[in-house]
C-alpha atoms as a PDB file:
ATOM      1  CA  MET A   1      -0.174  -0.164   0.142  1.00  0.00           C
ATOM      2  CA  THR A   2       1.659   3.071  -0.992  1.00  0.00           C
ATOM      3  CA  THR A   3       0.145   6.640  -0.267  1.00  0.00           C
ATOM      4  CA  GLU A   4       1.091  10.148  -0.602  1.00  0.00           C
ATOM      5  CA  ASP A   5      -0.749  11.104   2.941  1.00  0.00           C
ATOM      6  CA  GLU A   6       1.635  10.697   5.543  1.00  0.00           C
ATOM      7  CA  ASN A   7      -0.913   9.945   8.115  1.00  0.00           C
ATOM      8  CA  ASP A   8      -0.920   6.509   6.705  1.00  0.00           C
ATOM      9  CA  TRP A   9       2.418   5.865   6.473  1.00  0.00           C
ATOM     10  CA  GLY A  10       3.368   2.159   8.221  1.00  0.00           C
ATOM     11  CA  PRO A  11       6.609   0.335   8.950  1.00  0.00           C
ATOM     12  CA  LEU A  12       5.038  -2.432   6.976  1.00  0.00           C
ATOM     13  CA  PHE A  13       2.642  -3.275   4.576  1.00  0.00           C
ATOM     14  CA  VAL A  14       1.633  -6.662   3.391  1.00  0.00           C
ATOM     15  CA  GLY A  15      -0.789  -7.602  -0.138  1.00  0.00           C
ATOM     16  CA  SER A  16      -1.045  -9.728  -3.006  1.00  0.00           C
ATOM     17  CA  VAL A  17      -1.355 -10.079  -6.595  1.00  0.00           C
ATOM     18  CA  ILE A  18      -3.334 -13.357  -7.371  1.00  0.00           C
ATOM     19  CA  GLY A  19      -3.484 -14.320 -11.096  1.00  0.00           C
ATOM     20  CA  GLY A  20      -7.225 -16.010 -10.412  1.00  0.00           C
ATOM     21  CA  ARG A  21      -8.469 -17.858  -7.460  1.00  0.00           C
ATOM     22  CA  THR A  22      -8.770 -21.458  -7.257  1.00  0.00           C
ATOM     23  CA  PRO A  23      -9.307 -23.974  -4.704  1.00  0.00           C
ATOM     24  CA  GLY A  24      -5.224 -24.543  -5.038  1.00  0.00           C
ATOM     25  CA  ASN A  25      -4.611 -21.573  -4.275  1.00  0.00           C
ATOM     26  CA  THR A  26      -7.553 -20.713  -1.273  1.00  0.00           C
ATOM     27  CA  GLY A  27      -5.168 -21.738   1.797  1.00  0.00           C
ATOM     28  CA  ILE A  28      -2.410 -19.583   0.150  1.00  0.00           C
ATOM     29  CA  ALA A  29      -4.607 -16.948  -0.056  1.00  0.00           C
ATOM     30  CA  THR A  30      -6.419 -17.051   3.044  1.00  0.00           C
ATOM     31  CA  ALA A  31      -2.967 -17.425   4.949  1.00  0.00           C
ATOM     32  CA  ILE A  32      -1.948 -14.020   2.956  1.00  0.00           C
ATOM     33  CA  ASP A  33      -4.908 -12.268   4.796  1.00  0.00           C
ATOM     34  CA  ARG A  34      -4.283 -13.244   8.180  1.00  0.00           C
ATOM     35  CA  LEU A  35      -0.313 -12.495   8.046  1.00  0.00           C
ATOM     36  CA  SER A  36      -1.732  -9.286   6.787  1.00  0.00           C
ATOM     37  CA  GLN A  37      -3.533  -8.728  10.012  1.00  0.00           C
ATOM     38  CA  ILE A  38      -1.263 -10.149  12.180  1.00  0.00           C
ATOM     39  CA  VAL A  39       1.190  -7.459  10.742  1.00  0.00           C
ATOM     40  CA  ASP A  40      -1.329  -4.790  11.528  1.00  0.00           C
ATOM     41  CA  GLY A  41      -2.110  -5.852  15.257  1.00  0.00           C
ATOM     42  CA  VAL A  42       1.520  -5.820  15.707  1.00  0.00           C
ATOM     43  CA  GLY A  43       2.418  -2.406  17.567  1.00  0.00           C
ATOM     44  CA  TRP A  44       4.829  -0.022  16.792  1.00  0.00           C
ATOM     45  CA  THR A  45       6.030   3.693  17.439  1.00  0.00           C
ATOM     46  CA  ASP A  46       6.883   5.996  14.391  1.00  0.00           C
ATOM     47  CA  HIS A  47      10.327   7.681  14.911  1.00  0.00           C
ATOM     48  CA  GLY A  48      10.396   9.435  11.600  1.00  0.00           C
ATOM     49  CA  ASP A  49      13.714   8.309  10.178  1.00  0.00           C
ATOM     50  CA  GLU A  50      12.414   4.998   8.813  1.00  0.00           C
ATOM     51  CA  SER A  51      11.438   3.647   5.274  1.00  0.00           C
ATOM     52  CA  GLY A  52       8.723   1.290   5.340  1.00  0.00           C
ATOM     53  CA  VAL A  53       8.063  -1.818   3.646  1.00  0.00           C
ATOM     54  CA  ASP A  54       5.676  -2.513   1.146  1.00  0.00           C
ATOM     55  CA  VAL A  55       5.537  -6.565   0.828  1.00  0.00           C
ATOM     56  CA  VAL A  56       3.572  -8.186  -1.953  1.00  0.00           C
ATOM     57  CA  PHE A  57       3.120 -11.838  -2.492  1.00  0.00           C
ATOM     58  CA  HIS A  58       2.920 -12.821  -5.648  1.00  0.00           C
ATOM     59  CA  VAL A  59       0.405 -16.098  -6.150  1.00  0.00           C
ATOM     60  CA  ALA A  60       0.156 -18.057  -9.715  1.00  0.00           C
ATOM     61  CA  GLY A  61      -3.520 -18.505 -11.120  1.00  0.00           C
ATOM     62  CA  PRO A  62      -5.131 -18.894 -14.354  1.00  0.00           C
ATOM     63  CA  LEU A  63      -4.972 -15.456 -14.981  1.00  0.00           C
ATOM     64  CA  LEU A  64      -1.321 -14.978 -14.673  1.00  0.00           C
ATOM     65  CA  ALA A  65       1.588 -16.713 -13.787  1.00  0.00           C
ATOM     66  CA  THR A  66       4.610 -15.271 -11.326  1.00  0.00           C
ATOM     67  CA  GLU A  67       7.303 -15.035 -13.726  1.00  0.00           C
ATOM     68  CA  PHE A  68      10.013 -14.989 -11.232  1.00  0.00           C
ATOM     69  CA  THR A  69      10.757 -17.453  -8.008  1.00  0.00           C
ATOM     70  CA  GLY A  70      11.983 -16.270  -4.606  1.00  0.00           C
ATOM     71  CA  VAL A  71      12.294 -12.153  -2.938  1.00  0.00           C
ATOM     72  CA  ARG A  72      12.741  -9.319  -5.079  1.00  0.00           C
ATOM     73  CA  THR A  73      13.895  -5.616  -4.343  1.00  0.00           C
ATOM     74  CA  GLY A  74      10.829  -3.165  -6.094  1.00  0.00           C
ATOM     75  CA  ARG A  75      10.872   0.596  -6.500  1.00  0.00           C
ATOM     76  CA  TYR A  76      11.961   2.492  -3.339  1.00  0.00           C
ATOM     77  CA  ALA A  77       9.645   6.083  -3.032  1.00  0.00           C
ATOM     78  CA  ARG A  78      11.268   8.472  -0.611  1.00  0.00           C
ATOM     79  CA  PRO A  79       9.062  11.130  -0.703  1.00  0.00           C
ATOM     80  CA  VAL A  80       6.738   8.405   1.207  1.00  0.00           C
ATOM     81  CA  ARG A  81       9.380   6.163   2.640  1.00  0.00           C
ATOM     82  CA  LEU A  82       8.513   3.093   1.434  1.00  0.00           C
ATOM     83  CA  VAL A  83      10.756   0.503  -0.246  1.00  0.00           C
ATOM     84  CA  ALA A  84       8.604  -1.925  -2.440  1.00  0.00           C
ATOM     85  CA  VAL A  85       9.567  -6.390  -2.289  1.00  0.00           C
ATOM     86  CA  GLN A  86       8.225  -8.891  -4.052  1.00  0.00           C
ATOM     87  CA  ILE A  87       7.567 -12.756  -2.822  1.00  0.00           C
ATOM     88  CA  ALA A  88       6.715 -14.874  -5.518  1.00  0.00           C
ATOM     89  CA  VAL A  89       4.724 -18.076  -3.252  1.00  0.00           C
ATOM     90  CA  PRO A  90       6.185 -21.045  -4.407  1.00  0.00           C
ATOM     91  CA  ALA A  91       3.658 -23.388  -6.666  1.00  0.00           C
ATOM     92  CA  GLU A  92       4.585 -26.128  -3.920  1.00  0.00           C
ATOM     93  CA  LEU A  93       2.117 -24.257  -0.801  1.00  0.00           C
ATOM     94  CA  GLU A  94      -1.125 -24.522  -3.085  1.00  0.00           C
ATOM     95  CA  ASN A  95      -3.476 -27.563  -1.837  1.00  0.00           C
ATOM     96  CA  ARG A  96      -2.320 -26.904   1.697  1.00  0.00           C
ATOM     97  CA  PRO A  97      -4.478 -25.560   4.580  1.00  0.00           C
ATOM     98  CA  PRO A  98      -4.042 -22.065   5.401  1.00  0.00           C
ATOM     99  CA  GLU A  99      -2.372 -22.865   8.867  1.00  0.00           C
ATOM    100  CA  GLU A 100       0.589 -24.948   7.309  1.00  0.00           C
ATOM    101  CA  VAL A 101       1.446 -22.298   4.954  1.00  0.00           C
ATOM    102  CA  LEU A 102       0.706 -19.145   7.493  1.00  0.00           C
ATOM    103  CA  PRO A 103       4.187 -19.991   9.025  1.00  0.00           C
ATOM    104  CA  MET A 104       6.054 -20.592   6.091  1.00  0.00           C
ATOM    105  CA  LEU A 105       4.821 -17.062   4.677  1.00  0.00           C
ATOM    106  CA  ALA A 106       5.915 -15.203   7.785  1.00  0.00           C
ATOM    107  CA  ASP A 107       9.469 -17.075   6.988  1.00  0.00           C
ATOM    108  CA  ASP A 108       9.009 -14.862   3.567  1.00  0.00           C
ATOM    109  CA  LEU A 109       8.064 -12.262   5.047  1.00  0.00           C
ATOM    110  CA  VAL A 110      10.726 -11.696   7.500  1.00  0.00           C
ATOM    111  CA  GLU A 111      13.599 -12.435   4.769  1.00  0.00           C
ATOM    112  CA  ALA A 112      11.624  -9.451   2.709  1.00  0.00           C
ATOM    113  CA  THR A 113      12.816  -6.984   4.731  1.00  0.00           C
ATOM    114  CA  GLU A 114      15.897  -8.310   5.957  1.00  0.00           C
ATOM    115  CA  LEU A 115      16.591  -7.922   1.816  1.00  0.00           C
ATOM    116  CA  ALA A 116      14.897  -4.232   2.525  1.00  0.00           C
ATOM    117  CA  ALA A 117      17.628  -3.321   4.876  1.00  0.00           C
ATOM    118  CA  ALA A 118      20.460  -4.173   2.964  1.00  0.00           C
ATOM    119  CA  THR A 119      19.110  -2.797  -0.188  1.00  0.00           C
ATOM    120  CA  LEU A 120      18.692   0.029   1.699  1.00  0.00           C
ATOM    121  CA  ALA A 121      22.135   0.503   3.869  1.00  0.00           C
ATOM    122  CA  LYS A 122      23.814   0.354  -0.123  1.00  0.00           C
ATOM    123  CA  ARG A 123      22.003   3.346  -0.873  1.00  0.00           C
ATOM    124  CA  ARG A 124      23.046   7.243  -0.259  1.00  0.00           C
ATOM    125  CA  ASN A 125      20.029   8.993   1.761  1.00  0.00           C
ATOM    126  CA  ALA A 126      18.166   5.959   2.463  1.00  0.00           C
ATOM    127  CA  LEU A 127      16.530   5.944   5.672  1.00  0.00           C
ATOM    128  CA  PRO A 128      16.889   2.410   7.319  1.00  0.00           C
ATOM    129  CA  VAL A 129      13.938  -0.109   7.639  1.00  0.00           C
ATOM    130  CA  ARG A 130      15.045  -1.266  11.253  1.00  0.00           C
ATOM    131  CA  LEU A 131      11.400  -1.348  12.335  1.00  0.00           C
ATOM    132  CA  ALA A 132       9.873  -2.928   9.645  1.00  0.00           C
ATOM    133  CA  VAL A 133      12.186  -5.840  10.009  1.00  0.00           C
ATOM    134  CA  ASP A 134      11.226  -5.938  13.652  1.00  0.00           C
ATOM    135  CA  VAL A 135       7.481  -5.807  13.237  1.00  0.00           C
ATOM    136  CA  ALA A 136       8.315  -8.726  10.537  1.00  0.00           C
ATOM    137  CA  ARG A 137      10.189 -10.831  13.311  1.00  0.00           C
ATOM    138  CA  ARG A 138       7.603  -9.945  15.891  1.00  0.00           C
ATOM    139  CA  ALA A 139       4.470 -11.168  13.397  1.00  0.00           C
ATOM    140  CA  ARG A 140       6.685 -14.596  12.432  1.00  0.00           C
ATOM    141  CA  GLU A 141       6.558 -15.062  16.082  1.00  0.00           C
ATOM    142  CA  VAL A 142       2.574 -14.672  16.380  1.00  0.00           C
ATOM    143  CA  ALA A 143       2.554 -17.007  13.170  1.00  0.00           C
ATOM    144  CA  ARG A 144       3.909 -19.405  14.528  1.00  0.00           C
ATOM    145  CA  THR A 145       1.874 -19.831  17.836  1.00  0.00           C
END
């Protein structure tokens, strides 16, 4: 979720691009929705000197295939203090129940924020994403319970 309104800033956003709903990816979609709710429920305090991370899970379906694997960084938008990261959800997670998929996606979320942190550390004038990494790690702990 990217926005120009500074009041909507957060350290971590979770969304998805699903290439069409199928019975096979329903558990994945449900797990992503649940992970987003967990992230939204993790408390944090804005220190004003951080960038946020906008994580988008890409799920293949009949209308759209995922053209990459793993985790990759996208654009950094300094005006809104947000870096985009995309995660290709592996096809092996299809037909699994959401409670089995959720901890795996939570691990991917932590990996994505850590990648964003490493990427921004190399950029001049980019604000760090320490808070996003912390929120992702705490969300992972909730997802594992």
